[in-house]
Structures are given as structure tokens and as C-alpha cells.
Amino acid sequence: MTRPAFEPAAEDLETSVDDAIAACEGDARAAVRALLVALDHCRAELEQRNEDIAQLAQDISRGYSRGRWEGLLTDGDVTISDKSDD
């Protein structure tokens, strides 16, 4: 399992857990279900944004960007295509 980029303080985490369960009228399974739905929504939104970034990277001409984006875009799943038709 990967380590999260941000780890809240233990007391903040406990408070958040209590708040999530309270929002679901004390039903822990409903709280987990709601959080899983929210996580799935976040993943889908992130995937869409990654696709948008990939499209943007393809649309920016190589001459215009002059390699400024390469470090940012090639560190992840996005690569800059070398457009010869620009």
C-alpha cells in the first residue's frame, strides 16, 4: 500500500472518522460506503484531469514550449509528443 502524501494528525483523523460516522447516523458501514463513493468520484475526476493534461501536452507545439513542460509532464504518465508538422 502506498503512503499518503498528506497524513493528518492523529486527533484530526479521529475527529474526521467520528464526523463521517455521525453524518451517517452512527452507521459505520454507511460511512465507509459513502467514503468509497467519494473516493471513486475523486479518482474519476483525477483521471479526467490527467487526460485533459495529456491532450494539452499534445496540443502545445514543441517550439512554443521549448522543453519547459518536459520535466513536469514526463514524470507521470503523460509524455510530450514530438510534432513534426508544426
C-alpha atoms as a PDB file:
ATOM      1  CA  MET A   1       0.000   0.000   0.000  1.00  0.00           C
ATOM      2  CA  THR A   2       1.330   3.432  -0.878  1.00  0.00           C
ATOM      3  CA  ARG A   3       1.904   6.051   1.747  1.00  0.00           C
ATOM      4  CA  PRO A   4      -0.419   9.066   1.508  1.00  0.00           C
ATOM      5  CA  ALA A   5       1.125  12.381   0.506  1.00  0.00           C
ATOM      6  CA  PHE A   6      -0.519  14.047   3.493  1.00  0.00           C
ATOM      7  CA  GLU A   7      -1.072  12.445   6.866  1.00  0.00           C
ATOM      8  CA  PRO A   8      -3.325  14.382   9.221  1.00  0.00           C
ATOM      9  CA  ALA A   9      -2.551  14.477  12.920  1.00  0.00           C
ATOM     10  CA  ALA A  10      -3.968  11.510  14.819  1.00  0.00           C
ATOM     11  CA  GLU A  11      -6.529  13.623  16.683  1.00  0.00           C
ATOM     12  CA  ASP A  12      -7.675  15.251  13.422  1.00  0.00           C
ATOM     13  CA  LEU A  13      -8.077  11.825  11.861  1.00  0.00           C
ATOM     14  CA  GLU A  14     -10.117  10.545  14.808  1.00  0.00           C
ATOM     15  CA  THR A  15     -12.320  13.636  14.665  1.00  0.00           C
ATOM     16  CA  SER A  16     -12.837  13.134  10.928  1.00  0.00           C
ATOM     17  CA  VAL A  17     -13.752   9.478  11.469  1.00  0.00           C
ATOM     18  CA  ASP A  18     -16.250  10.448  14.175  1.00  0.00           C
ATOM     19  CA  ASP A  19     -17.712  13.151  11.911  1.00  0.00           C
ATOM     20  CA  ALA A  20     -18.103  10.728   8.977  1.00  0.00           C
ATOM     21  CA  ILE A  21     -19.876   8.161  11.151  1.00  0.00           C
ATOM     22  CA  ALA A  22     -22.070  10.828  12.737  1.00  0.00           C
ATOM     23  CA  ALA A  23     -23.030  12.110   9.259  1.00  0.00           C
ATOM     24  CA  CYS A  24     -24.316   8.605   8.518  1.00  0.00           C
ATOM     25  CA  GLU A  25     -26.380   8.488  11.732  1.00  0.00           C
ATOM     26  CA  GLY A  26     -23.884   6.223  13.507  1.00  0.00           C
ATOM     27  CA  ASP A  27     -23.794   3.561  10.787  1.00  0.00           C
ATOM     28  CA  ALA A  28     -20.103   2.779  10.203  1.00  0.00           C
ATOM     29  CA  ARG A  29     -20.834   0.662   7.108  1.00  0.00           C
ATOM     30  CA  ALA A  30     -22.792   3.524   5.552  1.00  0.00           C
ATOM     31  CA  ALA A  31     -19.906   5.877   6.338  1.00  0.00           C
ATOM     32  CA  VAL A  32     -17.422   3.542   4.643  1.00  0.00           C
ATOM     33  CA  ARG A  33     -19.768   3.186   1.671  1.00  0.00           C
ATOM     34  CA  ALA A  34     -20.112   6.973   1.356  1.00  0.00           C
ATOM     35  CA  LEU A  35     -16.356   7.457   1.578  1.00  0.00           C
ATOM     36  CA  LEU A  36     -15.748   4.784  -1.083  1.00  0.00           C
ATOM     37  CA  VAL A  37     -18.224   6.505  -3.407  1.00  0.00           C
ATOM     38  CA  ALA A  38     -16.469   9.830  -2.787  1.00  0.00           C
ATOM     39  CA  LEU A  39     -13.073   8.209  -3.424  1.00  0.00           C
ATOM     40  CA  ASP A  40     -14.314   6.717  -6.692  1.00  0.00           C
ATOM     41  CA  HIS A  41     -15.600  10.131  -7.751  1.00  0.00           C
ATOM     42  CA  CYS A  42     -12.217  11.708  -6.918  1.00  0.00           C
ATOM     43  CA  ARG A  43     -10.376   9.028  -8.883  1.00  0.00           C
ATOM     44  CA  ALA A  44     -12.620   9.566 -11.915  1.00  0.00           C
ATOM     45  CA  GLU A  45     -12.094  13.331 -11.717  1.00  0.00           C
ATOM     46  CA  LEU A  46      -8.317  12.865 -11.438  1.00  0.00           C
ATOM     47  CA  GLU A  47      -8.333  10.533 -14.430  1.00  0.00           C
ATOM     48  CA  GLN A  48     -10.268  13.104 -16.459  1.00  0.00           C
ATOM     49  CA  ARG A  49      -7.827  15.840 -15.488  1.00  0.00           C
ATOM     50  CA  ASN A  50      -4.883  13.633 -16.446  1.00  0.00           C
ATOM     51  CA  GLU A  51      -6.495  13.049 -19.847  1.00  0.00           C
ATOM     52  CA  ASP A  52      -7.004  16.805 -20.227  1.00  0.00           C
ATOM     53  CA  ILE A  53      -3.344  17.430 -19.364  1.00  0.00           C
ATOM     54  CA  ALA A  54      -2.237  14.787 -21.860  1.00  0.00           C
ATOM     55  CA  GLN A  55      -4.331  16.467 -24.566  1.00  0.00           C
ATOM     56  CA  LEU A  56      -2.910  19.864 -23.635  1.00  0.00           C
ATOM     57  CA  ALA A  57       0.617  18.477 -23.839  1.00  0.00           C
ATOM     58  CA  GLN A  58      -0.113  17.181 -27.333  1.00  0.00           C
ATOM     59  CA  ASP A  59      -1.654  20.478 -28.424  1.00  0.00           C
ATOM     60  CA  ILE A  60       1.228  22.698 -27.296  1.00  0.00           C
ATOM     61  CA  SER A  61       3.764  22.986 -30.065  1.00  0.00           C
ATOM     62  CA  ARG A  62       7.303  21.891 -29.313  1.00  0.00           C
ATOM     63  CA  GLY A  63       8.701  25.244 -30.412  1.00  0.00           C
ATOM     64  CA  TYR A  64       6.363  27.207 -28.171  1.00  0.00           C
ATOM     65  CA  SER A  65       7.068  25.225 -25.040  1.00  0.00           C
ATOM     66  CA  ARG A  66      10.821  24.829 -25.704  1.00  0.00           C
ATOM     67  CA  GLY A  67      11.041  21.966 -23.267  1.00  0.00           C
ATOM     68  CA  ARG A  68       9.639  23.903 -20.304  1.00  0.00           C
ATOM     69  CA  TRP A  69       6.960  21.291 -19.709  1.00  0.00           C
ATOM     70  CA  GLU A  70       9.055  18.164 -20.178  1.00  0.00           C
ATOM     71  CA  GLY A  71      10.095  17.651 -16.559  1.00  0.00           C
ATOM     72  CA  LEU A  72       6.566  18.178 -15.343  1.00  0.00           C
ATOM     73  CA  LEU A  73       4.817  16.076 -17.946  1.00  0.00           C
ATOM     74  CA  THR A  74       7.242  13.183 -18.387  1.00  0.00           C
ATOM     75  CA  ASP A  75       7.482  12.439 -14.650  1.00  0.00           C
ATOM     76  CA  GLY A  76       4.000  10.928 -14.772  1.00  0.00           C
ATOM     77  CA  ASP A  77       2.085   9.009 -17.390  1.00  0.00           C
ATOM     78  CA  VAL A  78       1.978  11.968 -19.767  1.00  0.00           C
ATOM     79  CA  THR A  79       4.602  12.375 -22.453  1.00  0.00           C
ATOM     80  CA  ILE A  80       5.191  15.186 -24.912  1.00  0.00           C
ATOM     81  CA  SER A  81       4.891  14.111 -28.490  1.00  0.00           C
ATOM     82  CA  ASP A  82       7.384  15.469 -30.981  1.00  0.00           C
ATOM     83  CA  LYS A  83       5.151  17.112 -33.587  1.00  0.00           C
ATOM     84  CA  SER A  84       6.983  17.471 -36.857  1.00  0.00           C
ATOM     85  CA  ASP A  85       4.062  19.245 -38.573  1.00  0.00           C
ATOM     86  CA  ASP A  86       4.369  22.475 -36.518  1.00  0.00           C
END
